Amino acid sequence: MEQAAEKVTIPCAGSTIIGTFYRASGTPRASLVLNGATGVPQRFYRHFAQWAVQQGLNVLTYDYRDFGESLNRHQKDSPLTMADWMLDDQSAALSALMNLAPHGPIWVLGHSLGGLGVAFHDYDPRVTRITTIGSGFAYHWDHPWSYRPLVLTFWFLLGPLATALMGYLPGKSLGFGSDLPAGVYWQWRRWCTRRDFFASDIGSALPRPDYKRPLPQLRICVAKDDVVVPASGVQRYADTLRDCGGRFVTFDPAEYDRKFLGHIELLAAGNEAVWSDLLVLSETANNDIDVVNA
């Protein structure tokens, strides 16, 4: 049964974000903001959000500026970067959720890009749980051989050529998923083709992160079969968050009688058993055997 959803407009850095607020009936156990992955529209997360509402959670999903439902100009005219989405848009969405749900604990779930801003954000005391899934320092040589040709084409051949010619990434036409602003693609490319990932942008496009500040119930998660952001890259990210109290968690498809969990697909309909463990909704979370201190 689909849950009622309310479209909301969120102010952000002189522009607006379009979000969808799913409201739980009765008193919610918590309210969750879902920071999405690069190029993944918020409608993809509707099955997860509807399931979470049934578990007693309010949920806010949204599209980053100049993308999806938040697209208000042609992407070739967008000056936005991945850092803008990670810093401004994620902060604006969290503030919006706190206004939409003025009482009770707040949870943050970051998918891929959505979880990379953990050390850059200031969190209100109401934020009691932060979970990332598929968020990591993905370097192009980390990917398995079977996936590497696609990655190299995306970063070194068709991706940069098409973006330079068109003024934006024509991802749909190239078979690479969604269209993206050029600034998002170029910064994403720089991060994923350097072993130090976003370190070169710290002090310019990015503020200095706080890797020493304790954060509440921080879990850095990944599916063992994720080829887009492999577990090795997520482990490196978890290592940087060690002093924040982060724990590295892996999900094995076999533990859930699944052939595949992947990167994007883990949050697709049909993986509810994984979602319950991802959010630790029960005292018998199935992934305890795969939790490693970061």
C-alpha atoms as a PDB file:
ATOM      1  CA  MET A   1       0.000   0.000   0.000  1.00  0.00           C
ATOM      2  CA  GLU A   2       1.477   3.344  -1.063  1.00  0.00           C
ATOM      3  CA  GLN A   3       1.740   6.051   1.560  1.00  0.00           C
ATOM      4  CA  ALA A   4       0.515   9.610   1.089  1.00  0.00           C
ATOM      5  CA  ALA A   5       3.343  11.903   0.087  1.00  0.00           C
ATOM      6  CA  GLU A   6       3.574  15.689   0.243  1.00  0.00           C
ATOM      7  CA  LYS A   7       5.644  17.718  -2.196  1.00  0.00           C
ATOM      8  CA  VAL A   8       7.723  20.361  -0.431  1.00  0.00           C
ATOM      9  CA  THR A   9       9.827  23.263  -1.681  1.00  0.00           C
ATOM     10  CA  ILE A  10      13.099  23.760   0.168  1.00  0.00           C
ATOM     11  CA  PRO A  11      15.085  27.030  -0.021  1.00  0.00           C
ATOM     12  CA  CYS A  12      18.729  26.437  -0.876  1.00  0.00           C
ATOM     13  CA  ALA A  13      21.485  28.953  -1.663  1.00  0.00           C
ATOM     14  CA  GLY A  14      19.236  31.371  -3.519  1.00  0.00           C
ATOM     15  CA  SER A  15      17.361  28.632  -5.349  1.00  0.00           C
ATOM     16  CA  THR A  16      15.013  25.816  -4.411  1.00  0.00           C
ATOM     17  CA  ILE A  17      14.975  22.053  -4.022  1.00  0.00           C
ATOM     18  CA  ILE A  18      11.888  19.938  -4.571  1.00  0.00           C
ATOM     19  CA  GLY A  19      11.416  17.222  -1.987  1.00  0.00           C
ATOM     20  CA  THR A  20       8.827  14.637  -1.029  1.00  0.00           C
ATOM     21  CA  PHE A  21       7.796  14.199   2.593  1.00  0.00           C
ATOM     22  CA  TYR A  22       6.342  10.862   3.637  1.00  0.00           C
ATOM     23  CA  ARG A  23       4.623  11.164   7.000  1.00  0.00           C
ATOM     24  CA  ALA A  24       4.198   8.222   9.360  1.00  0.00           C
ATOM     25  CA  SER A  25       0.885   7.785  11.136  1.00  0.00           C
ATOM     26  CA  GLY A  26       0.897   8.392  14.866  1.00  0.00           C
ATOM     27  CA  THR A  27       4.057   9.342  16.732  1.00  0.00           C
ATOM     28  CA  PRO A  28       7.084   8.456  14.571  1.00  0.00           C
ATOM     29  CA  ARG A  29      10.039   6.601  16.037  1.00  0.00           C
ATOM     30  CA  ALA A  30      12.301   9.010  14.093  1.00  0.00           C
ATOM     31  CA  SER A  31      12.398  11.238  11.019  1.00  0.00           C
ATOM     32  CA  LEU A  32      14.863  10.368   8.259  1.00  0.00           C
ATOM     33  CA  VAL A  33      16.380  12.479   5.484  1.00  0.00           C
ATOM     34  CA  LEU A  34      17.633  10.482   2.511  1.00  0.00           C
ATOM     35  CA  ASN A  35      20.534  12.125   0.681  1.00  0.00           C
ATOM     36  CA  GLY A  36      20.557  10.466  -2.712  1.00  0.00           C
ATOM     37  CA  ALA A  37      23.305   9.212  -4.993  1.00  0.00           C
ATOM     38  CA  THR A  38      24.640  11.163  -7.965  1.00  0.00           C
ATOM     39  CA  GLY A  39      22.282  10.929 -10.918  1.00  0.00           C
ATOM     40  CA  VAL A  40      19.611   8.976  -9.014  1.00  0.00           C
ATOM     41  CA  PRO A  41      16.254  10.804  -8.940  1.00  0.00           C
ATOM     42  CA  GLN A  42      14.260  10.848  -5.743  1.00  0.00           C
ATOM     43  CA  ARG A  43      11.438   8.845  -7.322  1.00  0.00           C
ATOM     44  CA  PHE A  44      13.781   5.821  -7.269  1.00  0.00           C
ATOM     45  CA  TYR A  45      13.690   5.918  -3.459  1.00  0.00           C
ATOM     46  CA  ARG A  46       9.890   5.933  -3.165  1.00  0.00           C
ATOM     47  CA  HIS A  47       9.683   2.197  -2.425  1.00  0.00           C
ATOM     48  CA  PHE A  48      12.216   2.541   0.369  1.00  0.00           C
ATOM     49  CA  ALA A  49      10.423   5.614   1.733  1.00  0.00           C
ATOM     50  CA  GLN A  50       7.027   3.928   1.664  1.00  0.00           C
ATOM     51  CA  TRP A  51       8.455   0.900   3.450  1.00  0.00           C
ATOM     52  CA  ALA A  52      10.153   3.112   6.059  1.00  0.00           C
ATOM     53  CA  VAL A  53       6.875   4.905   6.775  1.00  0.00           C
ATOM     54  CA  GLN A  54       5.315   1.549   7.540  1.00  0.00           C
ATOM     55  CA  GLN A  55       8.115   1.018  10.071  1.00  0.00           C
ATOM     56  CA  GLY A  56       7.117   4.224  11.853  1.00  0.00           C
ATOM     57  CA  LEU A  57       9.540   6.691  10.225  1.00  0.00           C
ATOM     58  CA  ASN A  58       8.900  10.037   8.613  1.00  0.00           C
ATOM     59  CA  VAL A  59      11.003  10.275   5.438  1.00  0.00           C
ATOM     60  CA  LEU A  60      12.178  13.207   3.330  1.00  0.00           C
ATOM     61  CA  THR A  61      13.592  12.536  -0.138  1.00  0.00           C
ATOM     62  CA  TYR A  62      14.638  15.246  -2.583  1.00  0.00           C
ATOM     63  CA  ASP A  63      16.467  15.999  -5.807  1.00  0.00           C
ATOM     64  CA  TYR A  64      19.647  18.055  -5.839  1.00  0.00           C
ATOM     65  CA  ARG A  65      19.458  21.447  -7.535  1.00  0.00           C
ATOM     66  CA  ASP A  66      19.445  21.427 -11.353  1.00  0.00           C
ATOM     67  CA  PHE A  67      18.523  17.758 -11.391  1.00  0.00           C
ATOM     68  CA  GLY A  68      15.326  15.700 -11.409  1.00  0.00           C
ATOM     69  CA  GLU A  69      12.325  17.564 -10.024  1.00  0.00           C
ATOM     70  CA  SER A  70      14.643  20.346  -8.848  1.00  0.00           C
ATOM     71  CA  LEU A  71      15.673  21.118 -12.449  1.00  0.00           C
ATOM     72  CA  ASN A  72      14.813  24.761 -13.111  1.00  0.00           C
ATOM     73  CA  ARG A  73      17.185  25.552 -15.991  1.00  0.00           C
ATOM     74  CA  HIS A  74      19.036  23.633 -18.667  1.00  0.00           C
ATOM     75  CA  GLN A  75      21.945  21.786 -17.134  1.00  0.00           C
ATOM     76  CA  LYS A  76      24.403  23.371 -19.550  1.00  0.00           C
ATOM     77  CA  ASP A  77      23.617  26.666 -17.786  1.00  0.00           C
ATOM     78  CA  SER A  78      24.198  25.266 -14.310  1.00  0.00           C
ATOM     79  CA  PRO A  79      27.281  26.424 -12.363  1.00  0.00           C
ATOM     80  CA  LEU A  80      26.802  23.764  -9.689  1.00  0.00           C
ATOM     81  CA  THR A  81      29.387  21.225  -8.591  1.00  0.00           C
ATOM     82  CA  MET A  82      29.331  18.008  -6.634  1.00  0.00           C
ATOM     83  CA  ALA A  83      30.617  19.945  -3.607  1.00  0.00           C
ATOM     84  CA  ASP A  84      27.621  22.289  -3.861  1.00  0.00           C
ATOM     85  CA  TRP A  85      25.254  19.333  -3.721  1.00  0.00           C
ATOM     86  CA  MET A  86      27.162  17.693  -0.898  1.00  0.00           C
ATOM     87  CA  LEU A  87      27.383  20.804   1.258  1.00  0.00           C
ATOM     88  CA  ASP A  88      24.506  23.187   0.499  1.00  0.00           C
ATOM     89  CA  ASP A  89      21.771  20.853  -0.702  1.00  0.00           C
ATOM     90  CA  GLN A  90      22.251  18.218   1.980  1.00  0.00           C
ATOM     91  CA  SER A  91      22.316  20.880   4.699  1.00  0.00           C
ATOM     92  CA  ALA A  92      19.167  22.521   3.334  1.00  0.00           C
ATOM     93  CA  ALA A  93      17.327  19.190   3.248  1.00  0.00           C
ATOM     94  CA  LEU A  94      18.291  18.391   6.837  1.00  0.00           C
ATOM     95  CA  SER A  95      17.074  21.811   7.997  1.00  0.00           C
ATOM     96  CA  ALA A  96      13.824  21.308   6.104  1.00  0.00           C
ATOM     97  CA  LEU A  97      13.217  17.950   7.762  1.00  0.00           C
ATOM     98  CA  MET A  98      13.771  19.438  11.204  1.00  0.00           C
ATOM     99  CA  ASN A  99      11.049  21.998  10.417  1.00  0.00           C
ATOM    100  CA  LEU A 100       8.689  19.423   8.939  1.00  0.00           C
ATOM    101  CA  ALA A 101       9.194  17.163  11.969  1.00  0.00           C
ATOM    102  CA  PRO A 102       9.904  19.535  14.894  1.00  0.00           C
ATOM    103  CA  HIS A 103       9.974  16.793  17.534  1.00  0.00           C
ATOM    104  CA  GLY A 104      11.796  13.520  18.004  1.00  0.00           C
ATOM    105  CA  PRO A 105      15.093  12.092  16.779  1.00  0.00           C
ATOM    106  CA  ILE A 106      16.480  12.733  13.305  1.00  0.00           C
ATOM    107  CA  TRP A 107      18.268  10.077  11.252  1.00  0.00           C
ATOM    108  CA  VAL A 108      20.450  10.715   8.215  1.00  0.00           C
ATOM    109  CA  LEU A 109      20.822   8.126   5.449  1.00  0.00           C
ATOM    110  CA  GLY A 110      23.353   8.950   2.750  1.00  0.00           C
ATOM    111  CA  HIS A 111      23.534   6.913  -0.447  1.00  0.00           C
ATOM    112  CA  SER A 112      26.855   7.150  -2.333  1.00  0.00           C
ATOM    113  CA  LEU A 113      27.441  10.930  -2.748  1.00  0.00           C
ATOM    114  CA  GLY A 114      24.752  11.366  -0.102  1.00  0.00           C
ATOM    115  CA  GLY A 115      27.070   9.971   2.567  1.00  0.00           C
ATOM    116  CA  LEU A 116      30.327  11.681   1.615  1.00  0.00           C
ATOM    117  CA  GLY A 117      29.633  14.909   3.482  1.00  0.00           C
ATOM    118  CA  VAL A 118      29.550  13.421   6.982  1.00  0.00           C
ATOM    119  CA  ALA A 119      32.684  15.166   8.270  1.00  0.00           C
ATOM    120  CA  PHE A 120      31.797  18.505   6.641  1.00  0.00           C
ATOM    121  CA  HIS A 121      28.395  19.023   8.266  1.00  0.00           C
ATOM    122  CA  ASP A 122      27.381  20.366  11.651  1.00  0.00           C
ATOM    123  CA  TYR A 123      24.688  18.213  13.214  1.00  0.00           C
ATOM    124  CA  ASP A 124      21.979  19.338  15.578  1.00  0.00           C
ATOM    125  CA  PRO A 125      21.722  17.310  18.831  1.00  0.00           C
ATOM    126  CA  ARG A 126      18.482  15.854  17.483  1.00  0.00           C
ATOM    127  CA  VAL A 127      20.504  13.864  14.938  1.00  0.00           C
ATOM    128  CA  THR A 128      20.997  10.530  16.674  1.00  0.00           C
ATOM    129  CA  ARG A 129      21.919   8.197  13.820  1.00  0.00           C
ATOM    130  CA  ILE A 130      23.963   8.608  10.626  1.00  0.00           C
ATOM    131  CA  THR A 131      24.185   5.779   8.111  1.00  0.00           C
ATOM    132  CA  THR A 132      25.924   5.735   4.758  1.00  0.00           C
ATOM    133  CA  ILE A 133      25.551   3.079   2.079  1.00  0.00           C
ATOM    134  CA  GLY A 134      27.906   2.782  -0.884  1.00  0.00           C
ATOM    135  CA  SER A 135      29.747   5.978   0.106  1.00  0.00           C
ATOM    136  CA  GLY A 136      33.499   5.798  -0.306  1.00  0.00           C
ATOM    137  CA  PHE A 137      36.699   6.953  -1.921  1.00  0.00           C
ATOM    138  CA  ALA A 138      36.155   5.233  -5.269  1.00  0.00           C
ATOM    139  CA  TYR A 139      39.352   5.189  -7.332  1.00  0.00           C
ATOM    140  CA  HIS A 140      39.131   3.997 -10.916  1.00  0.00           C
ATOM    141  CA  TRP A 141      41.675   1.189 -10.426  1.00  0.00           C
ATOM    142  CA  ASP A 142      39.661  -0.247  -7.499  1.00  0.00           C
ATOM    143  CA  HIS A 143      36.929  -1.594  -9.748  1.00  0.00           C
ATOM    144  CA  PRO A 144      36.901  -5.251 -10.798  1.00  0.00           C
ATOM    145  CA  TRP A 145      38.192  -6.007 -14.296  1.00  0.00           C
ATOM    146  CA  SER A 146      34.706  -6.739 -15.596  1.00  0.00           C
ATOM    147  CA  TYR A 147      33.547  -3.223 -14.723  1.00  0.00           C
ATOM    148  CA  ARG A 148      36.738  -1.334 -15.497  1.00  0.00           C
ATOM    149  CA  PRO A 149      36.171  -0.780 -19.253  1.00  0.00           C
ATOM    150  CA  LEU A 150      32.950   1.099 -18.492  1.00  0.00           C
ATOM    151  CA  VAL A 151      34.664   3.182 -15.817  1.00  0.00           C
ATOM    152  CA  LEU A 152      37.604   4.094 -18.047  1.00  0.00           C
ATOM    153  CA  THR A 153      35.240   5.044 -20.874  1.00  0.00           C
ATOM    154  CA  PHE A 154      33.208   7.217 -18.505  1.00  0.00           C
ATOM    155  CA  TRP A 155      36.205   9.034 -17.042  1.00  0.00           C
ATOM    156  CA  PHE A 156      38.671   9.139 -19.948  1.00  0.00           C
ATOM    157  CA  LEU A 157      36.827   8.778 -23.252  1.00  0.00           C
ATOM    158  CA  LEU A 158      33.120   9.381 -23.912  1.00  0.00           C
ATOM    159  CA  GLY A 159      32.389  11.142 -20.612  1.00  0.00           C
ATOM    160  CA  PRO A 160      34.883  14.007 -20.892  1.00  0.00           C
ATOM    161  CA  LEU A 161      34.534  14.316 -24.682  1.00  0.00           C
ATOM    162  CA  ALA A 162      30.737  14.607 -24.589  1.00  0.00           C
ATOM    163  CA  THR A 163      30.746  16.946 -21.588  1.00  0.00           C
ATOM    164  CA  ALA A 164      33.275  19.273 -23.231  1.00  0.00           C
ATOM    165  CA  LEU A 165      31.259  19.339 -26.474  1.00  0.00           C
ATOM    166  CA  MET A 166      27.773  19.663 -24.965  1.00  0.00           C
ATOM    167  CA  GLY A 167      28.458  21.787 -21.888  1.00  0.00           C
ATOM    168  CA  TYR A 168      26.858  19.162 -19.645  1.00  0.00           C
ATOM    169  CA  LEU A 169      27.077  15.384 -19.279  1.00  0.00           C
ATOM    170  CA  PRO A 170      24.474  13.858 -21.667  1.00  0.00           C
ATOM    171  CA  GLY A 171      24.300  10.701 -19.595  1.00  0.00           C
ATOM    172  CA  LYS A 172      21.002   9.476 -21.050  1.00  0.00           C
ATOM    173  CA  SER A 173      22.240   9.656 -24.632  1.00  0.00           C
ATOM    174  CA  LEU A 174      25.509   7.931 -23.737  1.00  0.00           C
ATOM    175  CA  GLY A 175      23.846   5.148 -21.773  1.00  0.00           C
ATOM    176  CA  PHE A 176      25.451   6.348 -18.530  1.00  0.00           C
ATOM    177  CA  GLY A 177      22.232   7.063 -16.670  1.00  0.00           C
ATOM    178  CA  SER A 178      21.159  10.658 -16.033  1.00  0.00           C
ATOM    179  CA  ASP A 179      22.204  13.975 -17.491  1.00  0.00           C
ATOM    180  CA  LEU A 180      24.305  16.061 -15.103  1.00  0.00           C
ATOM    181  CA  PRO A 181      25.678  19.609 -14.923  1.00  0.00           C
ATOM    182  CA  ALA A 182      29.230  19.856 -16.257  1.00  0.00           C
ATOM    183  CA  GLY A 183      30.588  21.097 -12.928  1.00  0.00           C
ATOM    184  CA  VAL A 184      29.215  18.033 -11.188  1.00  0.00           C
ATOM    185  CA  TYR A 185      30.759  15.690 -13.747  1.00  0.00           C
ATOM    186  CA  TRP A 186      34.203  17.354 -13.816  1.00  0.00           C
ATOM    187  CA  GLN A 187      34.540  17.399 -10.041  1.00  0.00           C
ATOM    188  CA  TRP A 188      33.242  13.840  -9.760  1.00  0.00           C
ATOM    189  CA  ARG A 189      35.789  12.790 -12.397  1.00  0.00           C
ATOM    190  CA  ARG A 190      38.633  14.510 -10.545  1.00  0.00           C
ATOM    191  CA  TRP A 191      37.746  12.822  -7.279  1.00  0.00           C
ATOM    192  CA  CYS A 192      37.390   9.339  -8.743  1.00  0.00           C
ATOM    193  CA  THR A 193      40.631   9.484 -10.740  1.00  0.00           C
ATOM    194  CA  ARG A 194      42.829  10.468  -7.791  1.00  0.00           C
ATOM    195  CA  ARG A 195      43.897   8.210  -4.952  1.00  0.00           C
ATOM    196  CA  ASP A 196      43.421  11.071  -2.497  1.00  0.00           C
ATOM    197  CA  PHE A 197      39.840  11.541  -3.784  1.00  0.00           C
ATOM    198  CA  PHE A 198      38.553  14.998  -2.727  1.00  0.00           C
ATOM    199  CA  ALA A 199      41.675  16.014  -0.760  1.00  0.00           C
ATOM    200  CA  SER A 200      42.785  18.436  -3.492  1.00  0.00           C
ATOM    201  CA  ASP A 201      39.569  20.443  -3.038  1.00  0.00           C
ATOM    202  CA  ILE A 202      39.889  20.823   0.732  1.00  0.00           C
ATOM    203  CA  GLY A 203      40.592  24.448   1.517  1.00  0.00           C
ATOM    204  CA  SER A 204      38.973  25.640  -1.725  1.00  0.00           C
ATOM    205  CA  ALA A 205      35.746  23.997  -2.870  1.00  0.00           C
ATOM    206  CA  LEU A 206      35.504  22.078   0.404  1.00  0.00           C
ATOM    207  CA  PRO A 207      36.069  23.250   3.988  1.00  0.00           C
ATOM    208  CA  ARG A 208      38.428  21.356   6.238  1.00  0.00           C
ATOM    209  CA  PRO A 209      36.615  18.278   7.531  1.00  0.00           C
ATOM    210  CA  ASP A 210      36.492  17.376  11.189  1.00  0.00           C
ATOM    211  CA  TYR A 211      37.672  13.782  11.410  1.00  0.00           C
ATOM    212  CA  LYS A 212      37.977  13.912  15.200  1.00  0.00           C
ATOM    213  CA  ARG A 213      34.453  14.887  16.238  1.00  0.00           C
ATOM    214  CA  PRO A 214      32.421  12.000  17.709  1.00  0.00           C
ATOM    215  CA  LEU A 215      29.225  11.385  15.757  1.00  0.00           C
ATOM    216  CA  PRO A 216      26.165   9.451  16.941  1.00  0.00           C
ATOM    217  CA  GLN A 217      25.774   5.844  15.782  1.00  0.00           C
ATOM    218  CA  LEU A 218      27.810   6.349  12.627  1.00  0.00           C
ATOM    219  CA  ARG A 219      27.789   3.326  10.318  1.00  0.00           C
ATOM    220  CA  ILE A 220      29.562   3.219   6.943  1.00  0.00           C
ATOM    221  CA  CYS A 221      27.966   0.407   4.955  1.00  0.00           C
ATOM    222  CA  VAL A 222      28.502  -1.315   1.613  1.00  0.00           C
ATOM    223  CA  ALA A 223      27.293  -4.389  -0.233  1.00  0.00           C
ATOM    224  CA  LYS A 224      30.085  -6.914  -0.757  1.00  0.00           C
ATOM    225  CA  ASP A 225      29.260  -7.078  -4.472  1.00  0.00           C
ATOM    226  CA  ASP A 226      29.214  -3.309  -5.077  1.00  0.00           C
ATOM    227  CA  VAL A 227      31.346  -2.693  -8.200  1.00  0.00           C
ATOM    228  CA  VAL A 228      30.509   1.028  -8.518  1.00  0.00           C
ATOM    229  CA  VAL A 229      32.032   1.974  -5.150  1.00  0.00           C
ATOM    230  CA  PRO A 230      33.887  -1.187  -4.141  1.00  0.00           C
ATOM    231  CA  ALA A 231      34.213  -2.214  -0.509  1.00  0.00           C
ATOM    232  CA  SER A 232      37.918  -1.286  -0.553  1.00  0.00           C
ATOM    233  CA  GLY A 233      37.021   2.359  -1.268  1.00  0.00           C
ATOM    234  CA  VAL A 234      34.333   2.369   1.398  1.00  0.00           C
ATOM    235  CA  GLN A 235      36.822   0.887   3.873  1.00  0.00           C
ATOM    236  CA  ARG A 236      39.240   3.755   3.146  1.00  0.00           C
ATOM    237  CA  TYR A 237      36.435   6.224   3.795  1.00  0.00           C
ATOM    238  CA  ALA A 238      35.549   4.441   7.030  1.00  0.00           C
ATOM    239  CA  ASP A 239      39.190   4.583   8.108  1.00  0.00           C
ATOM    240  CA  THR A 240      39.144   8.398   7.892  1.00  0.00           C
ATOM    241  CA  LEU A 241      36.079   8.433  10.156  1.00  0.00           C
ATOM    242  CA  ARG A 242      37.571   6.121  12.766  1.00  0.00           C
ATOM    243  CA  ASP A 243      37.851   8.829  15.415  1.00  0.00           C
ATOM    244  CA  CYS A 244      34.265   9.914  14.714  1.00  0.00           C
ATOM    245  CA  GLY A 245      33.137   6.538  16.027  1.00  0.00           C
ATOM    246  CA  GLY A 246      32.318   5.115  12.603  1.00  0.00           C
ATOM    247  CA  ARG A 247      31.847   1.400  12.071  1.00  0.00           C
ATOM    248  CA  PHE A 248      32.363  -0.344   8.763  1.00  0.00           C
ATOM    249  CA  VAL A 249      29.503  -2.694   7.843  1.00  0.00           C
ATOM    250  CA  THR A 250      29.243  -5.050   4.870  1.00  0.00           C
ATOM    251  CA  PHE A 251      26.145  -6.752   3.517  1.00  0.00           C
ATOM    252  CA  ASP A 252      26.576 -10.141   1.883  1.00  0.00           C
ATOM    253  CA  PRO A 253      23.869 -10.994  -0.698  1.00  0.00           C
ATOM    254  CA  ALA A 254      24.039 -14.660   0.340  1.00  0.00           C
ATOM    255  CA  GLU A 255      22.994 -13.741   3.884  1.00  0.00           C
ATOM    256  CA  TYR A 256      19.700 -12.475   2.445  1.00  0.00           C
ATOM    257  CA  ASP A 257      19.259 -15.223  -0.136  1.00  0.00           C
ATOM    258  CA  ARG A 258      19.929 -12.690  -2.881  1.00  0.00           C
ATOM    259  CA  LYS A 259      22.127 -13.135  -5.931  1.00  0.00           C
ATOM    260  CA  PHE A 260      22.914  -9.440  -6.116  1.00  0.00           C
ATOM    261  CA  LEU A 261      22.696  -6.286  -3.980  1.00  0.00           C
ATOM    262  CA  GLY A 262      25.003  -3.929  -5.822  1.00  0.00           C
ATOM    263  CA  HIS A 263      25.313  -0.176  -5.475  1.00  0.00           C
ATOM    264  CA  ILE A 264      22.088   1.469  -6.622  1.00  0.00           C
ATOM    265  CA  GLU A 265      20.037  -1.705  -6.601  1.00  0.00           C
ATOM    266  CA  LEU A 266      20.348  -2.284  -2.850  1.00  0.00           C
ATOM    267  CA  LEU A 267      17.747   0.433  -2.292  1.00  0.00           C
ATOM    268  CA  ALA A 268      15.385  -0.913  -4.947  1.00  0.00           C
ATOM    269  CA  ALA A 269      12.141  -2.680  -4.070  1.00  0.00           C
ATOM    270  CA  GLY A 270      12.583  -6.253  -2.905  1.00  0.00           C
ATOM    271  CA  ASN A 271      15.451  -5.676  -0.479  1.00  0.00           C
ATOM    272  CA  GLU A 272      13.355  -4.899   2.605  1.00  0.00           C
ATOM    273  CA  ALA A 273      15.232  -7.415   4.765  1.00  0.00           C
ATOM    274  CA  VAL A 274      18.458  -5.556   4.029  1.00  0.00           C
ATOM    275  CA  TRP A 275      16.811  -2.207   4.751  1.00  0.00           C
ATOM    276  CA  SER A 276      15.779  -3.353   8.206  1.00  0.00           C
ATOM    277  CA  ASP A 277      19.384  -4.200   9.025  1.00  0.00           C
ATOM    278  CA  LEU A 278      20.693  -1.075   7.286  1.00  0.00           C
ATOM    279  CA  LEU A 279      18.654   1.106   9.633  1.00  0.00           C
ATOM    280  CA  VAL A 280      19.040  -1.301  12.588  1.00  0.00           C
ATOM    281  CA  LEU A 281      15.308  -1.410  13.156  1.00  0.00           C
ATOM    282  CA  SER A 282      15.398  -4.566  15.253  1.00  0.00           C
ATOM    283  CA  GLU A 283      17.569  -5.850  18.064  1.00  0.00           C
ATOM    284  CA  THR A 284      18.479  -8.874  15.956  1.00  0.00           C
ATOM    285  CA  ALA A 285      20.137  -7.046  13.068  1.00  0.00           C
ATOM    286  CA  ASN A 286      21.352  -9.724  10.672  1.00  0.00           C
ATOM    287  CA  ASN A 287      24.600  -8.002   9.789  1.00  0.00           C
ATOM    288  CA  ASP A 288      26.269  -8.003  13.190  1.00  0.00           C
ATOM    289  CA  ILE A 289      28.754 -10.636  11.997  1.00  0.00           C
ATOM    290  CA  ASP A 290      29.901  -8.253   9.276  1.00  0.00           C
ATOM    291  CA  VAL A 291      30.476  -5.207  11.467  1.00  0.00           C
ATOM    292  CA  VAL A 292      34.110  -4.146  11.705  1.00  0.00           C
ATOM    293  CA  ASN A 293      35.395  -1.214  13.722  1.00  0.00           C
ATOM    294  CA  ALA A 294      36.609   1.350  11.221  1.00  0.00           C
END
